[in-house]
Amino acid sequence: MASGERTPLIAGNWKMHGSLAESHKLVAGIAAGVADAAGARVLLCPPYVYLTSVAQWIDGSDIVLGAQDLAEQIGTG
């Protein structure tokens, strides 16, 4: 990559919205559309409780896995 060039990053997280089954459907849809993001990195940060499942679902793809931390205060999410 030439000096000054940047690779776009498309990142998404969904906190605790949705069930495991809904998350699987979301990840499958994103994985199917990754080819449309040519030249960009795709990063998913699922809820912590789904991290292992999402890691398995994206294994072998170009999608990068990230993690989220927790809120410090109660009732802020």
PDB file of N, CA and C in Angstrom:
ATOM      1  N   MET A   1       0.848  -1.170   0.000  1.00  0.00           N
ATOM      2  CA  MET A   1       0.000   0.000   0.000  1.00  0.00           C
ATOM      3  C   MET A   1       0.892   1.231   0.000  1.00  0.00           C
ATOM      4  N   ALA A   2       0.557   2.192  -0.816  1.00  0.00           N
ATOM      5  CA  ALA A   2       1.335   3.425  -0.907  1.00  0.00           C
ATOM      6  C   ALA A   2       1.162   4.258   0.357  1.00  0.00           C
ATOM      7  N   SER A   3       2.175   5.041   0.635  1.00  0.00           N
ATOM      8  CA  SER A   3       2.121   5.914   1.801  1.00  0.00           C
ATOM      9  C   SER A   3       0.913   6.840   1.703  1.00  0.00           C
ATOM     10  N   GLY A   4       0.176   6.954   2.790  1.00  0.00           N
ATOM     11  CA  GLY A   4      -0.989   7.824   2.806  1.00  0.00           C
ATOM     12  C   GLY A   4      -2.292   7.139   2.444  1.00  0.00           C
ATOM     13  N   GLU A   5      -2.222   5.978   1.829  1.00  0.00           N
ATOM     14  CA  GLU A   5      -3.447   5.247   1.500  1.00  0.00           C
ATOM     15  C   GLU A   5      -4.002   4.594   2.754  1.00  0.00           C
ATOM     16  N   ARG A   6      -5.299   4.598   2.853  1.00  0.00           N
ATOM     17  CA  ARG A   6      -5.950   3.962   3.994  1.00  0.00           C
ATOM     18  C   ARG A   6      -6.925   2.906   3.496  1.00  0.00           C
ATOM     19  N   THR A   7      -7.054   1.860   4.273  1.00  0.00           N
ATOM     20  CA  THR A   7      -8.038   0.835   3.974  1.00  0.00           C
ATOM     21  C   THR A   7      -9.292   1.149   4.774  1.00  0.00           C
ATOM     22  N   PRO A   8     -10.418   1.321   4.109  1.00  0.00           N
ATOM     23  CA  PRO A   8     -11.653   1.590   4.848  1.00  0.00           C
ATOM     24  C   PRO A   8     -11.989   0.420   5.776  1.00  0.00           C
ATOM     25  N   LEU A   9     -12.574   0.736   6.902  1.00  0.00           N
ATOM     26  CA  LEU A   9     -13.006  -0.268   7.872  1.00  0.00           C
ATOM     27  C   LEU A   9     -14.513  -0.135   8.053  1.00  0.00           C
ATOM     28  N   ILE A  10     -15.210  -1.221   7.800  1.00  0.00           N
ATOM     29  CA  ILE A  10     -16.653  -1.278   8.031  1.00  0.00           C
ATOM     30  C   ILE A  10     -16.838  -2.111   9.287  1.00  0.00           C
ATOM     31  N   ALA A  11     -17.324  -1.490  10.344  1.00  0.00           N
ATOM     32  CA  ALA A  11     -17.455  -2.179  11.629  1.00  0.00           C
ATOM     33  C   ALA A  11     -18.891  -2.125  12.112  1.00  0.00           C
ATOM     34  N   GLY A  12     -19.290  -3.178  12.793  1.00  0.00           N
ATOM     35  CA  GLY A  12     -20.634  -3.201  13.350  1.00  0.00           C
ATOM     36  C   GLY A  12     -20.684  -3.962  14.656  1.00  0.00           C
ATOM     37  N   ASN A  13     -21.523  -3.470  15.552  1.00  0.00           N
ATOM     38  CA  ASN A  13     -21.827  -4.212  16.771  1.00  0.00           C
ATOM     39  C   ASN A  13     -23.320  -4.120  17.019  1.00  0.00           C
ATOM     40  N   TRP A  14     -23.836  -5.049  17.785  1.00  0.00           N
ATOM     41  CA  TRP A  14     -25.277  -5.033  18.011  1.00  0.00           C
ATOM     42  C   TRP A  14     -25.632  -5.280  19.464  1.00  0.00           C
ATOM     43  N   LYS A  15     -24.716  -4.980  20.352  1.00  0.00           N
ATOM     44  CA  LYS A  15     -24.958  -5.097  21.795  1.00  0.00           C
ATOM     45  C   LYS A  15     -25.702  -6.397  22.073  1.00  0.00           C
ATOM     46  N   MET A  16     -26.727  -6.358  22.899  1.00  0.00           N
ATOM     47  CA  MET A  16     -27.492  -7.572  23.206  1.00  0.00           C
ATOM     48  C   MET A  16     -28.840  -7.573  22.490  1.00  0.00           C
ATOM     49  N   HIS A  17     -28.888  -6.942  21.325  1.00  0.00           N
ATOM     50  CA  HIS A  17     -30.126  -6.922  20.547  1.00  0.00           C
ATOM     51  C   HIS A  17     -30.192  -8.184  19.695  1.00  0.00           C
ATOM     52  N   GLY A  18     -31.204  -8.996  19.933  1.00  0.00           N
ATOM     53  CA  GLY A  18     -31.389 -10.191  19.117  1.00  0.00           C
ATOM     54  C   GLY A  18     -30.905 -11.461  19.788  1.00  0.00           C
ATOM     55  N   SER A  19     -31.525 -12.536  19.391  1.00  0.00           N
ATOM     56  CA  SER A  19     -31.179 -13.860  19.903  1.00  0.00           C
ATOM     57  C   SER A  19     -29.972 -14.417  19.152  1.00  0.00           C
ATOM     58  N   LEU A  20     -29.507 -15.567  19.583  1.00  0.00           N
ATOM     59  CA  LEU A  20     -28.410 -16.237  18.889  1.00  0.00           C
ATOM     60  C   LEU A  20     -28.819 -16.565  17.453  1.00  0.00           C
ATOM     61  N   ALA A  21     -30.042 -17.038  17.275  1.00  0.00           N
ATOM     62  CA  ALA A  21     -30.523 -17.369  15.924  1.00  0.00           C
ATOM     63  C   ALA A  21     -30.591 -16.121  15.043  1.00  0.00           C
ATOM     64  N   GLU A  22     -31.053 -15.008  15.604  1.00  0.00           N
ATOM     65  CA  GLU A  22     -31.107 -13.761  14.835  1.00  0.00           C
ATOM     66  C   GLU A  22     -29.702 -13.264  14.508  1.00  0.00           C
ATOM     67  N   SER A  23     -28.785 -13.457  15.442  1.00  0.00           N
ATOM     68  CA  SER A  23     -27.395 -13.061  15.201  1.00  0.00           C
ATOM     69  C   SER A  23     -26.783 -13.899  14.091  1.00  0.00           C
ATOM     70  N   HIS A  24     -27.115 -15.187  14.066  1.00  0.00           N
ATOM     71  CA  HIS A  24     -26.592 -16.057  13.008  1.00  0.00           C
ATOM     72  C   HIS A  24     -27.090 -15.588  11.646  1.00  0.00           C
ATOM     73  N   LYS A  25     -28.354 -15.231  11.581  1.00  0.00           N
ATOM     74  CA  LYS A  25     -28.927 -14.733  10.321  1.00  0.00           C
ATOM     75  C   LYS A  25     -28.233 -13.433   9.901  1.00  0.00           C
ATOM     76  N   LEU A  26     -27.988 -12.541  10.852  1.00  0.00           N
ATOM     77  CA  LEU A  26     -27.307 -11.281  10.568  1.00  0.00           C
ATOM     78  C   LEU A  26     -25.898 -11.526  10.046  1.00  0.00           C
ATOM     79  N   VAL A  27     -25.145 -12.387  10.727  1.00  0.00           N
ATOM     80  CA  VAL A  27     -23.765 -12.674  10.326  1.00  0.00           C
ATOM     81  C   VAL A  27     -23.734 -13.341   8.952  1.00  0.00           C
ATOM     82  N   ALA A  28     -24.665 -14.250   8.695  1.00  0.00           N
ATOM     83  CA  ALA A  28     -24.719 -14.907   7.385  1.00  0.00           C
ATOM     84  C   ALA A  28     -24.976 -13.884   6.281  1.00  0.00           C
ATOM     85  N   GLY A  29     -25.853 -12.934   6.536  1.00  0.00           N
ATOM     86  CA  GLY A  29     -26.130 -11.891   5.553  1.00  0.00           C
ATOM     87  C   GLY A  29     -24.928 -10.999   5.303  1.00  0.00           C
ATOM     88  N   ILE A  30     -24.233 -10.658   6.376  1.00  0.00           N
ATOM     89  CA  ILE A  30     -23.026  -9.836   6.231  1.00  0.00           C
ATOM     90  C   ILE A  30     -21.957 -10.607   5.472  1.00  0.00           C
ATOM     91  N   ALA A  31     -21.766 -11.868   5.829  1.00  0.00           N
ATOM     92  CA  ALA A  31     -20.758 -12.694   5.156  1.00  0.00           C
ATOM     93  C   ALA A  31     -21.057 -12.806   3.663  1.00  0.00           C
ATOM     94  N   ALA A  32     -22.328 -12.911   3.317  1.00  0.00           N
ATOM     95  CA  ALA A  32     -22.706 -13.007   1.905  1.00  0.00           C
ATOM     96  C   ALA A  32     -22.427 -11.707   1.163  1.00  0.00           C
ATOM     97  N   GLY A  33     -22.463 -10.584   1.870  1.00  0.00           N
ATOM     98  CA  GLY A  33     -22.257  -9.294   1.232  1.00  0.00           C
ATOM     99  C   GLY A  33     -20.839  -8.763   1.293  1.00  0.00           C
ATOM    100  N   VAL A  34     -19.936  -9.493   1.939  1.00  0.00           N
ATOM    101  CA  VAL A  34     -18.556  -9.014   2.089  1.00  0.00           C
ATOM    102  C   VAL A  34     -17.891  -8.773   0.740  1.00  0.00           C
ATOM    103  N   ALA A  35     -18.228  -9.544  -0.251  1.00  0.00           N
ATOM    104  CA  ALA A  35     -17.627  -9.357  -1.575  1.00  0.00           C
ATOM    105  C   ALA A  35     -17.943  -7.969  -2.129  1.00  0.00           C
ATOM    106  N   ASP A  36     -19.083  -7.405  -1.715  1.00  0.00           N
ATOM    107  CA  ASP A  36     -19.457  -6.062  -2.169  1.00  0.00           C
ATOM    108  C   ASP A  36     -18.633  -4.971  -1.485  1.00  0.00           C
ATOM    109  N   ALA A  37     -17.866  -5.344  -0.476  1.00  0.00           N
ATOM    110  CA  ALA A  37     -17.047  -4.380   0.271  1.00  0.00           C
ATOM    111  C   ALA A  37     -15.592  -4.471  -0.173  1.00  0.00           C
ATOM    112  N   ALA A  38     -15.370  -4.745  -1.440  1.00  0.00           N
ATOM    113  CA  ALA A  38     -14.011  -4.904  -1.961  1.00  0.00           C
ATOM    114  C   ALA A  38     -13.159  -3.699  -1.586  1.00  0.00           C
ATOM    115  N   GLY A  39     -11.977  -3.981  -1.082  1.00  0.00           N
ATOM    116  CA  GLY A  39     -11.058  -2.917  -0.695  1.00  0.00           C
ATOM    117  C   GLY A  39     -11.244  -2.430   0.724  1.00  0.00           C
ATOM    118  N   ALA A  40     -12.221  -2.973   1.442  1.00  0.00           N
ATOM    119  CA  ALA A  40     -12.472  -2.575   2.826  1.00  0.00           C
ATOM    120  C   ALA A  40     -12.320  -3.783   3.745  1.00  0.00           C
ATOM    121  N   ARG A  41     -11.984  -3.526   4.993  1.00  0.00           N
ATOM    122  CA  ARG A  41     -11.972  -4.571   6.023  1.00  0.00           C
ATOM    123  C   ARG A  41     -13.338  -4.562   6.687  1.00  0.00           C
ATOM    124  N   VAL A  42     -13.839  -5.730   7.047  1.00  0.00           N
ATOM    125  CA  VAL A  42     -15.124  -5.840   7.728  1.00  0.00           C
ATOM    126  C   VAL A  42     -14.868  -6.410   9.116  1.00  0.00           C
ATOM    127  N   LEU A  43     -15.342  -5.712  10.131  1.00  0.00           N
ATOM    128  CA  LEU A  43     -15.138  -6.070  11.532  1.00  0.00           C
ATOM    129  C   LEU A  43     -16.487  -6.237  12.205  1.00  0.00           C
ATOM    130  N   LEU A  44     -16.685  -7.354  12.887  1.00  0.00           N
ATOM    131  CA  LEU A  44     -17.904  -7.576  13.654  1.00  0.00           C
ATOM    132  C   LEU A  44     -17.558  -7.691  15.130  1.00  0.00           C
ATOM    133  N   CYS A  45     -18.325  -7.008  15.954  1.00  0.00           N
ATOM    134  CA  CYS A  45     -18.163  -7.055  17.409  1.00  0.00           C
ATOM    135  C   CYS A  45     -19.493  -7.502  18.009  1.00  0.00           C
ATOM    136  N   PRO A  46     -19.708  -8.809  18.104  1.00  0.00           N
ATOM    137  CA  PRO A  46     -20.976  -9.317  18.620  1.00  0.00           C
ATOM    138  C   PRO A  46     -21.042  -9.184  20.143  1.00  0.00           C
ATOM    139  N   PRO A  47     -22.221  -9.424  20.709  1.00  0.00           N
ATOM    140  CA  PRO A  47     -22.309  -9.483  22.161  1.00  0.00           C
ATOM    141  C   PRO A  47     -21.342 -10.551  22.691  1.00  0.00           C
ATOM    142  N   TYR A  48     -20.791 -10.308  23.850  1.00  0.00           N
ATOM    143  CA  TYR A  48     -19.791 -11.219  24.418  1.00  0.00           C
ATOM    144  C   TYR A  48     -20.291 -12.659  24.470  1.00  0.00           C
ATOM    145  N   VAL A  49     -21.558 -12.845  24.821  1.00  0.00           N
ATOM    146  CA  VAL A  49     -22.089 -14.204  24.965  1.00  0.00           C
ATOM    147  C   VAL A  49     -22.166 -14.948  23.634  1.00  0.00           C
ATOM    148  N   TYR A  50     -22.072 -14.222  22.504  1.00  0.00           N
ATOM    149  CA  TYR A  50     -22.119 -14.848  21.185  1.00  0.00           C
ATOM    150  C   TYR A  50     -20.747 -14.881  20.512  1.00  0.00           C
ATOM    151  N   LEU A  51     -19.725 -14.444  21.201  1.00  0.00           N
ATOM    152  CA  LEU A  51     -18.397 -14.302  20.603  1.00  0.00           C
ATOM    153  C   LEU A  51     -17.880 -15.617  20.014  1.00  0.00           C
ATOM    154  N   THR A  52     -17.970 -16.694  20.767  1.00  0.00           N
ATOM    155  CA  THR A  52     -17.469 -17.988  20.292  1.00  0.00           C
ATOM    156  C   THR A  52     -18.254 -18.471  19.074  1.00  0.00           C
ATOM    157  N   SER A  53     -19.568 -18.326  19.113  1.00  0.00           N
ATOM    158  CA  SER A  53     -20.398 -18.757  17.979  1.00  0.00           C
ATOM    159  C   SER A  53     -20.067 -17.967  16.726  1.00  0.00           C
ATOM    160  N   VAL A  54     -19.977 -16.647  16.851  1.00  0.00           N
ATOM    161  CA  VAL A  54     -19.669 -15.814  15.689  1.00  0.00           C
ATOM    162  C   VAL A  54     -18.283 -16.145  15.154  1.00  0.00           C
ATOM    163  N   ALA A  55     -17.333 -16.408  16.038  1.00  0.00           N
ATOM    164  CA  ALA A  55     -15.988 -16.794  15.598  1.00  0.00           C
ATOM    165  C   ALA A  55     -16.052 -18.040  14.720  1.00  0.00           C
ATOM    166  N   GLN A  56     -16.878 -18.994  15.094  1.00  0.00           N
ATOM    167  CA  GLN A  56     -17.026 -20.216  14.291  1.00  0.00           C
ATOM    168  C   GLN A  56     -17.707 -19.911  12.961  1.00  0.00           C
ATOM    169  N   TRP A  57     -18.716 -19.065  12.986  1.00  0.00           N
ATOM    170  CA  TRP A  57     -19.470 -18.756  11.768  1.00  0.00           C
ATOM    171  C   TRP A  57     -18.624 -18.023  10.738  1.00  0.00           C
ATOM    172  N   ILE A  58     -17.682 -17.192  11.173  1.00  0.00           N
ATOM    173  CA  ILE A  58     -16.882 -16.410  10.220  1.00  0.00           C
ATOM    174  C   ILE A  58     -15.529 -17.045   9.934  1.00  0.00           C
ATOM    175  N   ASP A  59     -15.256 -18.190  10.543  1.00  0.00           N
ATOM    176  CA  ASP A  59     -13.980 -18.867  10.323  1.00  0.00           C
ATOM    177  C   ASP A  59     -13.773 -19.118   8.830  1.00  0.00           C
ATOM    178  N   GLY A  60     -12.628 -18.744   8.333  1.00  0.00           N
ATOM    179  CA  GLY A  60     -12.313 -18.933   6.921  1.00  0.00           C
ATOM    180  C   GLY A  60     -12.757 -17.783   6.034  1.00  0.00           C
ATOM    181  N   SER A  61     -13.431 -16.803   6.607  1.00  0.00           N
ATOM    182  CA  SER A  61     -13.864 -15.645   5.820  1.00  0.00           C
ATOM    183  C   SER A  61     -12.870 -14.505   6.004  1.00  0.00           C
ATOM    184  N   ASP A  62     -13.127 -13.412   5.328  1.00  0.00           N
ATOM    185  CA  ASP A  62     -12.290 -12.217   5.468  1.00  0.00           C
ATOM    186  C   ASP A  62     -12.797 -11.284   6.562  1.00  0.00           C
ATOM    187  N   ILE A  63     -13.810 -11.711   7.301  1.00  0.00           N
ATOM    188  CA  ILE A  63     -14.370 -10.888   8.370  1.00  0.00           C
ATOM    189  C   ILE A  63     -13.478 -10.989   9.604  1.00  0.00           C
ATOM    190  N   VAL A  64     -13.242  -9.838  10.233  1.00  0.00           N
ATOM    191  CA  VAL A  64     -12.419  -9.766  11.437  1.00  0.00           C
ATOM    192  C   VAL A  64     -13.349  -9.722  12.645  1.00  0.00           C
ATOM    193  N   LEU A  65     -12.963 -10.421  13.711  1.00  0.00           N
ATOM    194  CA  LEU A  65     -13.773 -10.484  14.922  1.00  0.00           C
ATOM    195  C   LEU A  65     -13.221  -9.544  15.980  1.00  0.00           C
ATOM    196  N   GLY A  66     -14.102  -8.808  16.617  1.00  0.00           N
ATOM    197  CA  GLY A  66     -13.730  -7.926  17.718  1.00  0.00           C
ATOM    198  C   GLY A  66     -14.626  -8.214  18.905  1.00  0.00           C
ATOM    199  N   ALA A  67     -14.329  -7.578  20.019  1.00  0.00           N
ATOM    200  CA  ALA A  67     -15.112  -7.777  21.237  1.00  0.00           C
ATOM    201  C   ALA A  67     -15.512  -6.430  21.816  1.00  0.00           C
ATOM    202  N   GLN A  68     -16.547  -6.457  22.627  1.00  0.00           N
ATOM    203  CA  GLN A  68     -17.027  -5.263  23.304  1.00  0.00           C
ATOM    204  C   GLN A  68     -16.756  -5.401  24.794  1.00  0.00           C
ATOM    205  N   ASP A  69     -16.626  -4.272  25.451  1.00  0.00           N
ATOM    206  CA  ASP A  69     -16.520  -4.325  26.900  1.00  0.00           C
ATOM    207  C   ASP A  69     -17.887  -3.998  27.503  1.00  0.00           C
ATOM    208  N   LEU A  70     -17.943  -3.979  28.806  1.00  0.00           N
ATOM    209  CA  LEU A  70     -19.191  -3.713  29.504  1.00  0.00           C
ATOM    210  C   LEU A  70     -19.258  -2.267  29.946  1.00  0.00           C
ATOM    211  N   ALA A  71     -20.470  -1.781  30.145  1.00  0.00           N
ATOM    212  CA  ALA A  71     -20.646  -0.431  30.679  1.00  0.00           C
ATOM    213  C   ALA A  71     -20.240  -0.412  32.145  1.00  0.00           C
ATOM    214  N   GLU A  72     -19.667   0.686  32.577  1.00  0.00           N
ATOM    215  CA  GLU A  72     -19.243   0.821  33.968  1.00  0.00           C
ATOM    216  C   GLU A  72     -20.410   1.078  34.908  1.00  0.00           C
ATOM    217  N   GLN A  73     -21.481   1.658  34.393  1.00  0.00           N
ATOM    218  CA  GLN A  73     -22.619   2.008  35.226  1.00  0.00           C
ATOM    219  C   GLN A  73     -23.801   1.093  34.926  1.00  0.00           C
ATOM    220  N   ILE A  74     -24.616   0.898  35.918  1.00  0.00           N
ATOM    221  CA  ILE A  74     -25.838   0.119  35.740  1.00  0.00           C
ATOM    222  C   ILE A  74     -26.863   0.986  35.014  1.00  0.00           C
ATOM    223  N   GLY A  75     -27.547   0.392  34.047  1.00  0.00           N
ATOM    224  CA  GLY A  75     -28.621   1.090  33.359  1.00  0.00           C
ATOM    225  C   GLY A  75     -28.177   2.047  32.274  1.00  0.00           C
ATOM    226  N   THR A  76     -26.969   1.873  31.757  1.00  0.00           N
ATOM    227  CA  THR A  76     -26.500   2.772  30.699  1.00  0.00           C
ATOM    228  C   THR A  76     -26.567   2.135  29.327  1.00  0.00           C
ATOM    229  N   GLY A  77     -27.030   0.909  29.232  1.00  0.00           N
ATOM    230  CA  GLY A  77     -26.998   0.230  27.960  1.00  0.00           C
ATOM    231  C   GLY A  77     -28.308   0.134  27.325  1.00  0.00           C
TER     232      GLY A  77
END
